[in-house]
N, C-alpha and C. Protein backbone atom coordinates (compact mmCIF):
# COMPACT_ATOMS: atom_id res chain seq x y z
N MET A 1 90.84 117.24 95.20
CA MET A 1 90.72 115.91 94.66
C MET A 1 90.27 114.95 95.76
N THR A 2 89.30 114.18 95.48
CA THR A 2 88.88 113.18 96.45
C THR A 2 89.61 111.86 96.15
N THR A 3 89.78 111.12 97.21
CA THR A 3 90.45 109.83 97.05
C THR A 3 89.42 108.73 96.94
N SER A 4 89.79 107.68 96.27
CA SER A 4 88.86 106.57 96.06
C SER A 4 89.42 105.31 96.75
N ARG A 5 88.65 104.26 96.70
CA ARG A 5 89.13 103.00 97.27
C ARG A 5 90.40 102.53 96.60
N ARG A 6 90.54 102.81 95.34
CA ARG A 6 91.76 102.42 94.63
C ARG A 6 92.98 103.11 95.25
N HIS A 7 92.82 104.40 95.60
CA HIS A 7 93.94 105.12 96.23
C HIS A 7 94.28 104.49 97.59
N TYR A 8 93.25 104.13 98.35
CA TYR A 8 93.49 103.52 99.65
C TYR A 8 94.23 102.19 99.50
N ARG A 9 93.77 101.38 98.54
CA ARG A 9 94.41 100.07 98.32
C ARG A 9 95.85 100.23 97.87
N GLU A 10 96.09 101.17 96.97
CA GLU A 10 97.46 101.39 96.49
C GLU A 10 98.37 101.87 97.60
N ALA A 11 97.88 102.79 98.42
CA ALA A 11 98.68 103.29 99.53
C ALA A 11 98.98 102.15 100.51
N ALA A 12 97.99 101.32 100.80
CA ALA A 12 98.20 100.20 101.73
C ALA A 12 99.22 99.21 101.14
N ALA A 13 99.14 98.97 99.85
CA ALA A 13 100.07 98.02 99.21
C ALA A 13 101.51 98.55 99.28
N VAL A 14 101.70 99.84 99.04
CA VAL A 14 103.04 100.42 99.10
C VAL A 14 103.59 100.34 100.52
N LEU A 15 102.78 100.67 101.51
CA LEU A 15 103.24 100.62 102.89
C LEU A 15 103.49 99.19 103.35
N ARG A 16 102.65 98.25 102.91
CA ARG A 16 102.86 96.84 103.24
C ARG A 16 104.18 96.36 102.68
N ALA A 17 104.52 96.81 101.47
CA ALA A 17 105.78 96.40 100.85
C ALA A 17 106.99 96.99 101.57
N ALA A 18 106.78 98.13 102.23
CA ALA A 18 107.88 98.79 102.94
C ALA A 18 108.17 98.14 104.30
N LEU A 19 107.26 97.31 104.78
CA LEU A 19 107.51 96.62 106.05
C LEU A 19 108.65 95.62 105.92
N PRO A 20 109.34 95.35 107.02
CA PRO A 20 110.40 94.36 106.97
C PRO A 20 109.82 92.98 106.64
N PRO A 21 110.64 92.11 106.05
CA PRO A 21 110.18 90.77 105.70
C PRO A 21 109.76 89.99 106.96
N LYS A 22 108.86 89.03 106.76
CA LYS A 22 108.42 88.21 107.90
C LYS A 22 109.62 87.52 108.53
N GLY A 23 109.58 87.45 109.84
CA GLY A 23 110.66 86.80 110.56
C GLY A 23 111.81 87.72 110.91
N LYS A 24 111.84 88.92 110.34
CA LYS A 24 112.88 89.90 110.66
C LYS A 24 112.27 91.00 111.49
N ARG A 25 112.90 91.29 112.59
CA ARG A 25 112.43 92.37 113.44
C ARG A 25 113.27 93.61 113.15
N GLN A 26 112.62 94.65 112.70
CA GLN A 26 113.26 95.93 112.48
C GLN A 26 112.34 97.02 113.04
N PRO A 27 112.41 97.23 114.35
CA PRO A 27 111.46 98.12 115.01
C PRO A 27 111.44 99.54 114.46
N THR A 28 112.61 100.07 114.11
CA THR A 28 112.68 101.44 113.59
C THR A 28 111.93 101.55 112.27
N ARG A 29 112.16 100.58 111.41
CA ARG A 29 111.49 100.59 110.10
C ARG A 29 109.98 100.43 110.25
N THR A 30 109.57 99.53 111.12
CA THR A 30 108.15 99.31 111.36
C THR A 30 107.50 100.57 111.94
N LYS A 31 108.20 101.22 112.85
CA LYS A 31 107.68 102.44 113.46
C LYS A 31 107.53 103.54 112.42
N THR A 32 108.49 103.67 111.52
CA THR A 32 108.41 104.69 110.48
C THR A 32 107.23 104.42 109.55
N VAL A 33 107.05 103.19 109.16
CA VAL A 33 105.89 102.83 108.31
C VAL A 33 104.60 103.12 109.04
N HIS A 34 104.55 102.83 110.33
CA HIS A 34 103.36 103.07 111.13
C HIS A 34 103.05 104.57 111.19
N GLU A 35 104.06 105.39 111.36
CA GLU A 35 103.85 106.84 111.41
C GLU A 35 103.34 107.39 110.08
N ILE A 36 103.89 106.90 109.00
CA ILE A 36 103.45 107.31 107.66
C ILE A 36 101.99 106.85 107.44
N ALA A 37 101.71 105.62 107.80
CA ALA A 37 100.36 105.09 107.63
C ALA A 37 99.36 105.88 108.45
N ASP A 38 99.75 106.25 109.65
CA ASP A 38 98.87 107.03 110.54
C ASP A 38 98.56 108.40 109.91
N GLY A 39 99.58 109.03 109.34
CA GLY A 39 99.39 110.30 108.68
C GLY A 39 98.49 110.21 107.47
N LEU A 40 98.71 109.18 106.66
CA LEU A 40 97.85 108.98 105.48
C LEU A 40 96.41 108.69 105.90
N ALA A 41 96.23 107.87 106.91
CA ALA A 41 94.89 107.56 107.39
C ALA A 41 94.18 108.84 107.85
N SER A 42 94.88 109.73 108.50
CA SER A 42 94.28 110.98 108.93
C SER A 42 93.88 111.84 107.73
N MET A 43 94.74 111.89 106.74
CA MET A 43 94.42 112.65 105.52
C MET A 43 93.22 112.06 104.80
N PHE A 44 93.20 110.74 104.66
CA PHE A 44 92.07 110.09 103.99
C PHE A 44 90.77 110.34 104.78
N ALA A 45 90.84 110.31 106.11
CA ALA A 45 89.66 110.53 106.93
C ALA A 45 89.14 111.94 106.79
N GLN A 46 90.02 112.91 106.61
CA GLN A 46 89.58 114.30 106.40
C GLN A 46 88.88 114.43 105.06
N ASP A 47 89.37 113.70 104.08
CA ASP A 47 88.80 113.78 102.74
C ASP A 47 87.47 113.03 102.63
N ASN A 48 87.34 111.95 103.38
CA ASN A 48 86.14 111.11 103.29
C ASN A 48 85.71 110.74 104.70
N ARG A 49 84.63 111.32 105.14
CA ARG A 49 84.20 111.12 106.54
C ARG A 49 83.79 109.69 106.83
N ARG A 50 83.51 108.88 105.79
CA ARG A 50 83.14 107.48 106.01
C ARG A 50 84.36 106.56 106.03
N PHE A 51 85.54 107.12 105.82
CA PHE A 51 86.77 106.33 105.83
C PHE A 51 87.05 105.83 107.24
N ARG A 52 87.43 104.57 107.37
CA ARG A 52 87.75 103.98 108.69
C ARG A 52 89.25 103.78 108.81
N CYS A 53 89.86 104.56 109.66
CA CYS A 53 91.32 104.48 109.86
C CYS A 53 91.73 103.10 110.35
N SER A 54 90.95 102.50 111.22
CA SER A 54 91.33 101.19 111.77
C SER A 54 91.38 100.12 110.69
N THR A 55 90.46 100.17 109.74
CA THR A 55 90.45 99.21 108.65
C THR A 55 91.67 99.38 107.78
N PHE A 56 92.04 100.62 107.51
CA PHE A 56 93.23 100.91 106.71
C PHE A 56 94.49 100.38 107.41
N MET A 57 94.61 100.66 108.70
CA MET A 57 95.78 100.22 109.45
C MET A 57 95.84 98.68 109.52
N ASP A 58 94.69 98.07 109.71
CA ASP A 58 94.63 96.58 109.75
C ASP A 58 95.07 95.97 108.42
N ALA A 59 94.71 96.62 107.33
CA ALA A 59 95.09 96.13 106.01
C ALA A 59 96.59 96.16 105.81
N ILE A 60 97.25 97.10 106.42
CA ILE A 60 98.70 97.20 106.28
C ILE A 60 99.43 96.26 107.23
N PHE A 61 99.01 96.22 108.47
CA PHE A 61 99.75 95.50 109.50
C PHE A 61 99.15 94.16 109.88
N GLU A 62 98.31 93.59 109.03
CA GLU A 62 97.63 92.33 109.38
C GLU A 62 98.62 91.16 109.63
N ASP A 63 99.70 91.10 108.91
CA ASP A 63 100.64 89.99 109.05
C ASP A 63 102.01 90.43 109.57
N SER A 64 102.10 91.62 110.08
CA SER A 64 103.43 92.11 110.50
C SER A 64 103.90 91.40 111.77
N PRO A 65 105.21 91.29 111.92
CA PRO A 65 105.76 90.59 113.09
C PRO A 65 105.56 91.36 114.38
């Protein structure tokens, strides 16, 4: 099964929601979300060679503390 932009957006939204609220520092939680996001980005990149991992990660962590 190939993934589409919709899958990327949904995955980013779920991971963004898992981040701690703004103003709260929870390094362990942020690190866990980062590790999951990194794994998903790698899988998406294997499935679609035009996928940009950095764009995916930026979409998740753009406003993180």
